[in-house]
Amino acid sequence: MSKNSIYLEIQSVINALEPKDISYKRKEILQPLVDFIQTKVANQQSVQINFICTHNSRRSHLAQIWAQVAIAYFNIPNIHCYSGGTEETALFPKVAETLSNQGFNIFKISESNNPIYAIKYDDNALPVIGFSKKYDSPFNPVSEFIAIMTCSQADGGCPFIAGAEKRIPITFEDPKISDGTTEQSKVYAERSLQIATEMFYVFSMIKK
């Protein structure tokens, strides 16, 4: 897969990201993930990343999706991303809307209280399957994965993640704080771009 096959609108978003503006403090938080992935890649081992948040409705999905795009962009083999929560709810519709506005092709493949979305960033790549699930859902890996805790509530509420080789807190402010306000679209777009910037920084550091 070539980065040139990623949808042009998403490429424009990627080109506008500014990883150089990530603070030193945030880079310190991201470095353990860089180190873990680099060790696996150097040893030609596959990498499974499970992004975990309380409800698996906002931040964990954004992190999963942008990480998978970054993996494709940098053409790093054998890395697969998942997401989960400490409880099952639903992918928040504003997340799908935000990603659609940033160039993703998103369509529902199941209607329910917890709908299933196909999220495409490239016509010829497997879509990311987006729906809310617990982190230990059968959909996710059961062992030999790294758990990335994207919210402090999940990090504090789950002191032990069964099957995880390692857990790393990389927390983001919840865009939910803007729900019901005139700032909602702006806040969700900003959080998506922050997560995209940090995921692209992480995978840009990986030497194949």
C-alpha atoms as a PDB file:
ATOM      1  CA  MET A   1       0.000   0.000   0.000  1.00  0.00           C
ATOM      2  CA  SER A   2       1.272   3.469  -0.864  1.00  0.00           C
ATOM      3  CA  LYS A   3       0.605   6.653   1.056  1.00  0.00           C
ATOM      4  CA  ASN A   4      -0.446   8.058  -2.317  1.00  0.00           C
ATOM      5  CA  SER A   5      -3.490   5.759  -2.294  1.00  0.00           C
ATOM      6  CA  ILE A   6      -4.877   7.346   0.884  1.00  0.00           C
ATOM      7  CA  TYR A   7      -7.796   9.619   0.054  1.00  0.00           C
ATOM      8  CA  LEU A   8      -6.588  13.023  -1.118  1.00  0.00           C
ATOM      9  CA  GLU A   9      -8.645  14.901   1.460  1.00  0.00           C
ATOM     10  CA  ILE A  10      -7.050  12.869   4.260  1.00  0.00           C
ATOM     11  CA  GLN A  11      -3.615  13.454   2.710  1.00  0.00           C
ATOM     12  CA  SER A  12      -4.316  17.193   2.879  1.00  0.00           C
ATOM     13  CA  VAL A  13      -5.131  16.836   6.581  1.00  0.00           C
ATOM     14  CA  ILE A  14      -1.925  14.835   7.112  1.00  0.00           C
ATOM     15  CA  ASN A  15       0.165  17.414   5.251  1.00  0.00           C
ATOM     16  CA  ALA A  16      -1.145  20.140   7.578  1.00  0.00           C
ATOM     17  CA  LEU A  17      -0.223  18.268  10.780  1.00  0.00           C
ATOM     18  CA  GLU A  18       2.626  19.765  12.809  1.00  0.00           C
ATOM     19  CA  PRO A  19       4.348  16.985  14.798  1.00  0.00           C
ATOM     20  CA  LYS A  20       7.248  19.349  15.458  1.00  0.00           C
ATOM     21  CA  ASP A  21       4.910  21.387  17.664  1.00  0.00           C
ATOM     22  CA  ILE A  22       4.263  18.490  20.060  1.00  0.00           C
ATOM     23  CA  SER A  23       5.554  19.509  23.465  1.00  0.00           C
ATOM     24  CA  TYR A  24       8.532  17.829  25.082  1.00  0.00           C
ATOM     25  CA  LYS A  25       6.253  16.598  27.865  1.00  0.00           C
ATOM     26  CA  ARG A  26       3.899  14.902  25.374  1.00  0.00           C
ATOM     27  CA  LYS A  27       6.841  13.367  23.502  1.00  0.00           C
ATOM     28  CA  GLU A  28       7.997  11.836  26.787  1.00  0.00           C
ATOM     29  CA  ILE A  29       4.519  10.315  27.194  1.00  0.00           C
ATOM     30  CA  LEU A  30       4.589   8.952  23.631  1.00  0.00           C
ATOM     31  CA  GLN A  31       8.151   7.577  23.775  1.00  0.00           C
ATOM     32  CA  PRO A  32       7.327   4.254  25.520  1.00  0.00           C
ATOM     33  CA  LEU A  33       4.952   3.426  22.647  1.00  0.00           C
ATOM     34  CA  VAL A  34       7.657   4.301  20.107  1.00  0.00           C
ATOM     35  CA  ASP A  35      10.139   2.093  21.976  1.00  0.00           C
ATOM     36  CA  PHE A  36       7.745  -0.851  22.228  1.00  0.00           C
ATOM     37  CA  ILE A  37       6.837  -0.750  18.537  1.00  0.00           C
ATOM     38  CA  GLN A  38      10.455  -0.271  17.464  1.00  0.00           C
ATOM     39  CA  THR A  39      11.603  -3.316  19.437  1.00  0.00           C
ATOM     40  CA  LYS A  40       8.874  -5.452  17.866  1.00  0.00           C
ATOM     41  CA  VAL A  41       9.596  -4.197  14.344  1.00  0.00           C
ATOM     42  CA  ALA A  42      13.360  -4.707  14.764  1.00  0.00           C
ATOM     43  CA  ASN A  43      12.691  -8.307  15.802  1.00  0.00           C
ATOM     44  CA  GLN A  44      10.267  -8.790  12.881  1.00  0.00           C
ATOM     45  CA  GLN A  45       7.396  -9.444  15.276  1.00  0.00           C
ATOM     46  CA  SER A  46       3.796  -8.401  14.720  1.00  0.00           C
ATOM     47  CA  VAL A  47       2.357  -5.624  16.864  1.00  0.00           C
ATOM     48  CA  GLN A  48      -1.188  -5.521  18.254  1.00  0.00           C
ATOM     49  CA  ILE A  49      -2.292  -2.199  19.773  1.00  0.00           C
ATOM     50  CA  ASN A  50      -5.516  -1.908  21.766  1.00  0.00           C
ATOM     51  CA  PHE A  51      -6.589   1.694  22.495  1.00  0.00           C
ATOM     52  CA  ILE A  52      -8.756   1.652  25.625  1.00  0.00           C
ATOM     53  CA  CYS A  53     -11.131   4.269  27.028  1.00  0.00           C
ATOM     54  CA  THR A  54     -14.086   4.049  29.378  1.00  0.00           C
ATOM     55  CA  HIS A  55     -16.923   3.879  26.822  1.00  0.00           C
ATOM     56  CA  ASN A  56     -15.034   3.104  23.570  1.00  0.00           C
ATOM     57  CA  SER A  57     -17.051   5.903  22.014  1.00  0.00           C
ATOM     58  CA  ARG A  58     -14.701   8.806  21.240  1.00  0.00           C
ATOM     59  CA  ARG A  59     -10.971   9.010  21.998  1.00  0.00           C
ATOM     60  CA  SER A  60     -10.152   5.315  21.687  1.00  0.00           C
ATOM     61  CA  HIS A  61     -11.745   5.173  18.228  1.00  0.00           C
ATOM     62  CA  LEU A  62      -9.990   8.331  17.053  1.00  0.00           C
ATOM     63  CA  ALA A  63      -6.654   6.922  18.227  1.00  0.00           C
ATOM     64  CA  GLN A  64      -7.267   3.526  16.622  1.00  0.00           C
ATOM     65  CA  ILE A  65      -8.266   5.038  13.291  1.00  0.00           C
ATOM     66  CA  TRP A  66      -5.505   7.627  13.007  1.00  0.00           C
ATOM     67  CA  ALA A  67      -2.892   5.088  14.121  1.00  0.00           C
ATOM     68  CA  GLN A  68      -4.017   2.716  11.374  1.00  0.00           C
ATOM     69  CA  VAL A  69      -3.789   5.526   8.811  1.00  0.00           C
ATOM     70  CA  ALA A  70      -0.287   6.412  10.022  1.00  0.00           C
ATOM     71  CA  ILE A  71       0.778   2.766   9.744  1.00  0.00           C
ATOM     72  CA  ALA A  72      -0.435   2.709   6.143  1.00  0.00           C
ATOM     73  CA  TYR A  73       1.130   6.090   5.376  1.00  0.00           C
ATOM     74  CA  PHE A  74       4.565   4.998   6.591  1.00  0.00           C
ATOM     75  CA  ASN A  75       4.057   1.489   5.162  1.00  0.00           C
ATOM     76  CA  ILE A  76       4.994  -0.334   8.363  1.00  0.00           C
ATOM     77  CA  PRO A  77       4.048  -4.032   8.100  1.00  0.00           C
ATOM     78  CA  ASN A  78       2.377  -6.290  10.652  1.00  0.00           C
ATOM     79  CA  ILE A  79       0.866  -3.671  12.952  1.00  0.00           C
ATOM     80  CA  HIS A  80      -2.838  -3.899  13.732  1.00  0.00           C
ATOM     81  CA  CYS A  81      -4.945  -1.529  15.822  1.00  0.00           C
ATOM     82  CA  TYR A  82      -8.010  -2.204  17.936  1.00  0.00           C
ATOM     83  CA  SER A  83     -10.049  -0.316  20.494  1.00  0.00           C
ATOM     84  CA  GLY A  84     -12.208  -1.151  23.487  1.00  0.00           C
ATOM     85  CA  GLY A  85     -13.751   0.197  26.648  1.00  0.00           C
ATOM     86  CA  THR A  86     -14.287  -0.756  30.243  1.00  0.00           C
ATOM     87  CA  GLU A  87     -17.940  -0.918  29.178  1.00  0.00           C
ATOM     88  CA  GLU A  88     -19.835  -1.127  25.881  1.00  0.00           C
ATOM     89  CA  THR A  89     -21.871   1.885  24.715  1.00  0.00           C
ATOM     90  CA  ALA A  90     -21.845   3.150  21.103  1.00  0.00           C
ATOM     91  CA  LEU A  91     -19.535   5.038  18.774  1.00  0.00           C
ATOM     92  CA  PHE A  92     -20.627   8.646  19.319  1.00  0.00           C
ATOM     93  CA  PRO A  93     -22.136   9.994  16.060  1.00  0.00           C
ATOM     94  CA  LYS A  94     -20.104  13.221  16.238  1.00  0.00           C
ATOM     95  CA  VAL A  95     -16.917  11.163  15.943  1.00  0.00           C
ATOM     96  CA  ALA A  96     -18.109   9.642  12.674  1.00  0.00           C
ATOM     97  CA  GLU A  97     -19.202  13.074  11.449  1.00  0.00           C
ATOM     98  CA  THR A  98     -15.836  14.611  12.367  1.00  0.00           C
ATOM     99  CA  LEU A  99     -13.871  11.905  10.559  1.00  0.00           C
ATOM    100  CA  SER A 100     -16.154  12.191   7.542  1.00  0.00           C
ATOM    101  CA  ASN A 101     -15.443  15.939   7.444  1.00  0.00           C
ATOM    102  CA  GLN A 102     -11.724  15.141   7.527  1.00  0.00           C
ATOM    103  CA  GLY A 103     -11.953  12.910   4.456  1.00  0.00           C
ATOM    104  CA  PHE A 104     -12.902   9.416   5.613  1.00  0.00           C
ATOM    105  CA  ASN A 105     -15.582   7.415   3.803  1.00  0.00           C
ATOM    106  CA  ILE A 106     -17.888   6.128   6.534  1.00  0.00           C
ATOM    107  CA  PHE A 107     -20.986   3.999   6.213  1.00  0.00           C
ATOM    108  CA  LYS A 108     -23.057   1.940   8.607  1.00  0.00           C
ATOM    109  CA  ILE A 109     -23.044  -1.799   8.054  1.00  0.00           C
ATOM    110  CA  SER A 110     -25.384  -2.496  10.990  1.00  0.00           C
ATOM    111  CA  GLU A 111     -28.168  -0.454  12.577  1.00  0.00           C
ATOM    112  CA  SER A 112     -28.740  -0.926  16.316  1.00  0.00           C
ATOM    113  CA  ASN A 113     -28.248   0.876  19.607  1.00  0.00           C
ATOM    114  CA  ASN A 114     -24.556   0.135  19.008  1.00  0.00           C
ATOM    115  CA  PRO A 115     -24.226   0.526  15.216  1.00  0.00           C
ATOM    116  CA  ILE A 116     -21.283  -0.891  13.301  1.00  0.00           C
ATOM    117  CA  TYR A 117     -19.415   1.427  10.949  1.00  0.00           C
ATOM    118  CA  ALA A 118     -16.989   0.728   8.135  1.00  0.00           C
ATOM    119  CA  ILE A 119     -14.419   3.525   8.145  1.00  0.00           C
ATOM    120  CA  LYS A 120     -12.309   3.767   4.990  1.00  0.00           C
ATOM    121  CA  TYR A 121      -9.242   5.902   4.356  1.00  0.00           C
ATOM    122  CA  ASP A 122      -8.258   4.157   1.105  1.00  0.00           C
ATOM    123  CA  ASP A 123     -10.519   2.512  -1.484  1.00  0.00           C
ATOM    124  CA  ASN A 124      -8.370  -0.629  -1.609  1.00  0.00           C
ATOM    125  CA  ALA A 125      -7.524  -1.051   2.084  1.00  0.00           C
ATOM    126  CA  LEU A 126      -9.501  -2.943   4.659  1.00  0.00           C
ATOM    127  CA  PRO A 127     -11.823  -0.549   6.474  1.00  0.00           C
ATOM    128  CA  VAL A 128     -11.514   0.032  10.182  1.00  0.00           C
ATOM    129  CA  ILE A 129     -14.579  -1.555  11.777  1.00  0.00           C
ATOM    130  CA  GLY A 130     -15.904   0.914  14.320  1.00  0.00           C
ATOM    131  CA  PHE A 131     -18.294  -0.034  17.114  1.00  0.00           C
ATOM    132  CA  SER A 132     -18.237   0.097  20.886  1.00  0.00           C
ATOM    133  CA  LYS A 133     -17.011  -3.013  22.673  1.00  0.00           C
ATOM    134  CA  LYS A 134     -15.281  -3.978  25.889  1.00  0.00           C
ATOM    135  CA  TYR A 135     -11.516  -4.168  25.657  1.00  0.00           C
ATOM    136  CA  ASP A 136     -11.652  -7.951  26.187  1.00  0.00           C
ATOM    137  CA  SER A 137     -14.253  -8.499  23.452  1.00  0.00           C
ATOM    138  CA  PRO A 138     -13.616 -11.548  21.229  1.00  0.00           C
ATOM    139  CA  PHE A 139     -13.194  -8.999  18.393  1.00  0.00           C
ATOM    140  CA  ASN A 140      -9.927  -7.865  20.003  1.00  0.00           C
ATOM    141  CA  PRO A 141      -6.659  -9.745  20.620  1.00  0.00           C
ATOM    142  CA  VAL A 142      -6.606 -11.780  23.821  1.00  0.00           C
ATOM    143  CA  SER A 143      -2.849 -11.785  24.390  1.00  0.00           C
ATOM    144  CA  GLU A 144       0.449 -10.272  23.219  1.00  0.00           C
ATOM    145  CA  PHE A 145      -0.927  -6.767  22.727  1.00  0.00           C
ATOM    146  CA  ILE A 146      -0.042  -3.364  24.095  1.00  0.00           C
ATOM    147  CA  ALA A 147      -2.827  -1.549  25.954  1.00  0.00           C
ATOM    148  CA  ILE A 148      -2.891   2.209  25.395  1.00  0.00           C
ATOM    149  CA  MET A 149      -5.088   3.912  27.985  1.00  0.00           C
ATOM    150  CA  THR A 150      -6.553   6.990  26.268  1.00  0.00           C
ATOM    151  CA  CYS A 151      -8.487   8.321  29.262  1.00  0.00           C
ATOM    152  CA  SER A 152      -7.534   8.678  32.898  1.00  0.00           C
ATOM    153  CA  GLN A 153     -10.789   7.066  34.107  1.00  0.00           C
ATOM    154  CA  ALA A 154     -10.046   3.822  32.270  1.00  0.00           C
ATOM    155  CA  ASP A 155      -6.408   3.935  33.345  1.00  0.00           C
ATOM    156  CA  GLY A 156      -7.384   4.321  36.985  1.00  0.00           C
ATOM    157  CA  GLY A 157     -10.349   1.954  36.825  1.00  0.00           C
ATOM    158  CA  CYS A 158      -8.464  -0.901  35.152  1.00  0.00           C
ATOM    159  CA  PRO A 159      -5.265  -1.540  37.088  1.00  0.00           C
ATOM    160  CA  PHE A 160      -4.889  -4.860  35.262  1.00  0.00           C
ATOM    161  CA  ILE A 161      -5.538  -5.621  31.572  1.00  0.00           C
ATOM    162  CA  ALA A 162      -5.500  -9.383  31.057  1.00  0.00           C
ATOM    163  CA  GLY A 163      -3.309 -10.492  28.147  1.00  0.00           C
ATOM    164  CA  ALA A 164      -1.492  -7.184  27.705  1.00  0.00           C
ATOM    165  CA  GLU A 165       2.286  -7.337  27.310  1.00  0.00           C
ATOM    166  CA  LYS A 166       2.490  -3.719  28.390  1.00  0.00           C
ATOM    167  CA  ARG A 167       0.176  -0.835  29.205  1.00  0.00           C
ATOM    168  CA  ILE A 168       0.926   2.794  28.565  1.00  0.00           C
ATOM    169  CA  PRO A 169      -1.242   5.780  29.527  1.00  0.00           C
ATOM    170  CA  ILE A 170      -1.528   8.253  26.639  1.00  0.00           C
ATOM    171  CA  THR A 171      -4.522  10.266  27.742  1.00  0.00           C
ATOM    172  CA  PHE A 172      -6.448  12.949  25.865  1.00  0.00           C
ATOM    173  CA  GLU A 173      -9.018  15.459  27.062  1.00  0.00           C
ATOM    174  CA  ASP A 174     -12.534  14.202  26.378  1.00  0.00           C
ATOM    175  CA  PRO A 175     -14.250  16.140  23.558  1.00  0.00           C
ATOM    176  CA  LYS A 176     -17.505  15.219  25.312  1.00  0.00           C
ATOM    177  CA  ILE A 177     -17.038  18.377  27.393  1.00  0.00           C
ATOM    178  CA  SER A 178     -18.280  20.335  24.356  1.00  0.00           C
ATOM    179  CA  ASP A 179     -21.451  18.293  23.772  1.00  0.00           C
ATOM    180  CA  GLY A 180     -24.528  20.509  23.619  1.00  0.00           C
ATOM    181  CA  THR A 181     -22.483  23.683  23.049  1.00  0.00           C
ATOM    182  CA  THR A 182     -21.776  25.805  19.993  1.00  0.00           C
ATOM    183  CA  GLU A 183     -18.114  24.739  20.257  1.00  0.00           C
ATOM    184  CA  GLN A 184     -18.794  21.022  19.718  1.00  0.00           C
ATOM    185  CA  SER A 185     -17.713  20.727  16.076  1.00  0.00           C
ATOM    186  CA  LYS A 186     -14.567  22.771  16.730  1.00  0.00           C
ATOM    187  CA  VAL A 187     -13.578  20.766  19.809  1.00  0.00           C
ATOM    188  CA  TYR A 188     -14.099  17.377  18.128  1.00  0.00           C
ATOM    189  CA  ALA A 189     -12.113  18.472  15.072  1.00  0.00           C
ATOM    190  CA  GLU A 190      -9.290  19.751  17.275  1.00  0.00           C
ATOM    191  CA  ARG A 191      -9.170  16.557  19.342  1.00  0.00           C
ATOM    192  CA  SER A 192      -9.122  14.422  16.188  1.00  0.00           C
ATOM    193  CA  LEU A 193      -6.233  16.478  14.786  1.00  0.00           C
ATOM    194  CA  GLN A 194      -4.314  16.343  18.070  1.00  0.00           C
ATOM    195  CA  ILE A 195      -4.604  12.567  18.114  1.00  0.00           C
ATOM    196  CA  ALA A 196      -3.681  12.368  14.425  1.00  0.00           C
ATOM    197  CA  THR A 197      -0.602  14.518  15.025  1.00  0.00           C
ATOM    198  CA  GLU A 198       0.597  12.372  17.905  1.00  0.00           C
ATOM    199  CA  MET A 199      -0.039   9.077  16.124  1.00  0.00           C
ATOM    200  CA  PHE A 200       1.830  10.331  13.048  1.00  0.00           C
ATOM    201  CA  TYR A 201       4.701  11.410  15.273  1.00  0.00           C
ATOM    202  CA  VAL A 202       4.869   7.941  16.851  1.00  0.00           C
ATOM    203  CA  PHE A 203       4.950   6.044  13.573  1.00  0.00           C
ATOM    204  CA  SER A 204       7.296   8.526  11.878  1.00  0.00           C
ATOM    205  CA  MET A 205       9.867   7.529  14.492  1.00  0.00           C
ATOM    206  CA  ILE A 206       9.780   3.831  13.601  1.00  0.00           C
ATOM    207  CA  LYS A 207      12.761   2.572  11.596  1.00  0.00           C
ATOM    208  CA  LYS A 208      11.906  -0.419   9.419  1.00  0.00           C
END
